Amino acid sequence: MDVDHPLRVAFRYVSILVLVLIGAVLFLFPEPFTSALGFVLLSVAFVWLSWARSRETAAESVEVDTSG
């Protein structure tokens, strides 16, 4: 299966969305541990999102280089 197969891309973004939702819910709890855990999950989700976007950009640049 290709690295950027549409199913993998969809799974990647659904996983990021799940991390954001769980992190947001945990962040809203008043206990310090759950708030810290929620913040960590939100941070991981946004780092994963930036990694996914840079990976897509790199894949597009490779496609352009090989076609030209």
N, C-alpha and C. Protein backbone atom coordinates (compact mmCIF):
# COMPACT_ATOMS: atom_id res chain seq x y z
N MET A 1 0.85 -1.18 0.00
CA MET A 1 0.00 0.00 0.00
C MET A 1 0.89 1.24 0.00
N ASP A 2 0.50 2.22 -0.79
CA ASP A 2 1.26 3.46 -0.90
C ASP A 2 1.26 4.20 0.43
N VAL A 3 2.33 4.94 0.67
CA VAL A 3 2.46 5.68 1.93
C VAL A 3 1.34 6.70 2.08
N ASP A 4 0.97 7.34 1.00
CA ASP A 4 -0.10 8.35 1.05
C ASP A 4 -1.38 7.86 0.41
N HIS A 5 -1.68 6.59 0.61
CA HIS A 5 -2.94 6.02 0.14
C HIS A 5 -4.08 6.77 0.84
N PRO A 6 -5.18 7.01 0.15
CA PRO A 6 -6.29 7.78 0.76
C PRO A 6 -6.81 7.20 2.08
N LEU A 7 -6.78 5.87 2.23
CA LEU A 7 -7.23 5.29 3.50
C LEU A 7 -6.27 5.63 4.64
N ARG A 8 -4.97 5.62 4.34
CA ARG A 8 -4.00 5.97 5.37
C ARG A 8 -4.10 7.44 5.74
N VAL A 9 -4.31 8.28 4.75
CA VAL A 9 -4.46 9.72 5.02
C VAL A 9 -5.71 9.96 5.87
N ALA A 10 -6.79 9.29 5.51
CA ALA A 10 -8.03 9.44 6.29
C ALA A 10 -7.84 8.94 7.71
N PHE A 11 -7.20 7.78 7.87
CA PHE A 11 -6.96 7.25 9.21
C PHE A 11 -6.08 8.19 10.02
N ARG A 12 -5.07 8.79 9.37
CA ARG A 12 -4.17 9.71 10.06
C ARG A 12 -4.95 10.92 10.61
N TYR A 13 -5.81 11.50 9.77
CA TYR A 13 -6.55 12.68 10.21
C TYR A 13 -7.65 12.34 11.21
N VAL A 14 -8.26 11.17 11.09
CA VAL A 14 -9.25 10.74 12.09
C VAL A 14 -8.55 10.50 13.43
N SER A 15 -7.37 9.91 13.41
CA SER A 15 -6.62 9.69 14.64
C SER A 15 -6.25 11.01 15.31
N ILE A 16 -5.85 11.98 14.51
CA ILE A 16 -5.52 13.30 15.06
C ILE A 16 -6.76 13.94 15.66
N LEU A 17 -7.90 13.81 14.97
CA LEU A 17 -9.15 14.36 15.49
C LEU A 17 -9.53 13.71 16.82
N VAL A 18 -9.37 12.40 16.92
CA VAL A 18 -9.68 11.70 18.18
C VAL A 18 -8.76 12.19 19.30
N LEU A 19 -7.47 12.36 19.01
CA LEU A 19 -6.54 12.87 20.02
C LEU A 19 -6.94 14.27 20.49
N VAL A 20 -7.34 15.11 19.55
CA VAL A 20 -7.76 16.47 19.91
C VAL A 20 -9.00 16.43 20.78
N LEU A 21 -9.97 15.63 20.42
CA LEU A 21 -11.20 15.57 21.21
C LEU A 21 -10.96 15.01 22.61
N ILE A 22 -10.21 13.94 22.72
CA ILE A 22 -9.91 13.37 24.04
C ILE A 22 -9.08 14.35 24.86
N GLY A 23 -8.10 14.97 24.21
CA GLY A 23 -7.27 15.95 24.91
C GLY A 23 -8.08 17.14 25.40
N ALA A 24 -9.01 17.61 24.58
CA ALA A 24 -9.84 18.76 24.98
C ALA A 24 -10.74 18.40 26.16
N VAL A 25 -11.31 17.21 26.13
CA VAL A 25 -12.18 16.78 27.24
C VAL A 25 -11.36 16.64 28.52
N LEU A 26 -10.20 16.00 28.43
CA LEU A 26 -9.36 15.84 29.62
C LEU A 26 -8.84 17.19 30.13
N PHE A 27 -8.56 18.09 29.21
CA PHE A 27 -8.06 19.40 29.62
C PHE A 27 -9.09 20.18 30.42
N LEU A 28 -10.37 19.94 30.16
CA LEU A 28 -11.44 20.67 30.85
C LEU A 28 -11.74 20.14 32.24
N PHE A 29 -11.24 18.95 32.59
CA PHE A 29 -11.45 18.44 33.94
C PHE A 29 -10.65 19.28 34.93
N PRO A 30 -11.18 19.46 36.15
CA PRO A 30 -10.50 20.35 37.11
C PRO A 30 -9.25 19.75 37.76
N GLU A 31 -9.06 18.44 37.69
CA GLU A 31 -7.89 17.86 38.33
C GLU A 31 -6.63 18.20 37.54
N PRO A 32 -5.53 18.48 38.25
CA PRO A 32 -4.31 18.88 37.54
C PRO A 32 -3.74 17.79 36.64
N PHE A 33 -3.82 16.52 37.07
CA PHE A 33 -3.25 15.44 36.26
C PHE A 33 -3.98 15.30 34.93
N THR A 34 -5.30 15.32 34.97
CA THR A 34 -6.05 15.16 33.73
C THR A 34 -5.88 16.38 32.83
N SER A 35 -5.76 17.56 33.42
CA SER A 35 -5.52 18.75 32.60
C SER A 35 -4.15 18.67 31.93
N ALA A 36 -3.15 18.21 32.67
CA ALA A 36 -1.81 18.06 32.08
C ALA A 36 -1.81 16.99 31.00
N LEU A 37 -2.50 15.88 31.26
CA LEU A 37 -2.59 14.81 30.27
C LEU A 37 -3.31 15.30 29.01
N GLY A 38 -4.37 16.07 29.20
CA GLY A 38 -5.09 16.64 28.05
C GLY A 38 -4.21 17.57 27.26
N PHE A 39 -3.42 18.39 27.95
CA PHE A 39 -2.51 19.31 27.26
C PHE A 39 -1.46 18.53 26.47
N VAL A 40 -0.96 17.45 27.05
CA VAL A 40 0.03 16.63 26.35
C VAL A 40 -0.59 16.00 25.10
N LEU A 41 -1.81 15.49 25.23
CA LEU A 41 -2.47 14.89 24.07
C LEU A 41 -2.72 15.92 22.97
N LEU A 42 -3.13 17.13 23.37
CA LEU A 42 -3.33 18.19 22.38
C LEU A 42 -2.01 18.55 21.70
N SER A 43 -0.94 18.61 22.47
CA SER A 43 0.37 18.93 21.90
C SER A 43 0.82 17.85 20.91
N VAL A 44 0.63 16.59 21.30
CA VAL A 44 1.00 15.48 20.41
C VAL A 44 0.18 15.54 19.12
N ALA A 45 -1.10 15.85 19.25
CA ALA A 45 -1.96 15.92 18.07
C ALA A 45 -1.50 17.01 17.11
N PHE A 46 -1.13 18.18 17.64
CA PHE A 46 -0.71 19.26 16.76
C PHE A 46 0.67 19.00 16.16
N VAL A 47 1.54 18.34 16.89
CA VAL A 47 2.83 17.96 16.31
C VAL A 47 2.62 16.92 15.22
N TRP A 48 1.73 15.97 15.45
CA TRP A 48 1.43 14.94 14.46
C TRP A 48 0.81 15.57 13.21
N LEU A 49 -0.06 16.58 13.42
CA LEU A 49 -0.67 17.27 12.29
C LEU A 49 0.38 18.01 11.47
N SER A 50 1.29 18.69 12.12
CA SER A 50 2.34 19.40 11.37
C SER A 50 3.25 18.41 10.65
N TRP A 51 3.53 17.27 11.27
CA TRP A 51 4.33 16.23 10.62
C TRP A 51 3.61 15.68 9.39
N ALA A 52 2.31 15.46 9.51
CA ALA A 52 1.54 14.93 8.39
C ALA A 52 1.52 15.91 7.23
N ARG A 53 1.36 17.19 7.54
CA ARG A 53 1.34 18.19 6.47
C ARG A 53 2.71 18.31 5.81
N SER A 54 3.78 18.26 6.58
CA SER A 54 5.11 18.35 5.98
C SER A 54 5.40 17.11 5.15
N ARG A 55 4.88 15.98 5.57
CA ARG A 55 5.05 14.74 4.81
C ARG A 55 4.33 14.83 3.47
N GLU A 56 3.12 15.40 3.48
CA GLU A 56 2.38 15.57 2.23
C GLU A 56 3.10 16.54 1.31
N THR A 57 3.65 17.61 1.86
CA THR A 57 4.40 18.57 1.06
C THR A 57 5.64 17.93 0.45
N ALA A 58 6.33 17.13 1.23
CA ALA A 58 7.52 16.45 0.73
C ALA A 58 7.15 15.45 -0.37
N ALA A 59 6.05 14.76 -0.21
CA ALA A 59 5.61 13.80 -1.23
C ALA A 59 5.25 14.52 -2.52
N GLU A 60 4.63 15.70 -2.41
CA GLU A 60 4.29 16.47 -3.60
C GLU A 60 5.55 16.97 -4.30
N SER A 61 6.55 17.37 -3.54
CA SER A 61 7.78 17.87 -4.16
C SER A 61 8.54 16.74 -4.85
N VAL A 62 8.46 15.53 -4.30
CA VAL A 62 9.10 14.38 -4.95
C VAL A 62 8.38 14.06 -6.26
N GLU A 63 7.05 14.15 -6.25
CA GLU A 63 6.29 13.91 -7.48
C GLU A 63 6.64 14.92 -8.54
N VAL A 64 6.82 16.17 -8.16
CA VAL A 64 7.16 17.22 -9.12
C VAL A 64 8.56 16.98 -9.66
N ASP A 65 9.50 16.57 -8.82
CA ASP A 65 10.87 16.35 -9.26
C ASP A 65 10.98 15.17 -10.23
N THR A 66 10.20 14.13 -9.99
CA THR A 66 10.30 12.95 -10.84
C THR A 66 9.56 13.15 -12.16
N SER A 67 8.56 14.02 -12.20
CA SER A 67 7.82 14.22 -13.43
C SER A 67 8.48 15.25 -14.34
N GLY A 68 9.34 16.10 -13.78
CA GLY A 68 9.93 17.17 -14.57
C GLY A 68 11.22 16.87 -15.11
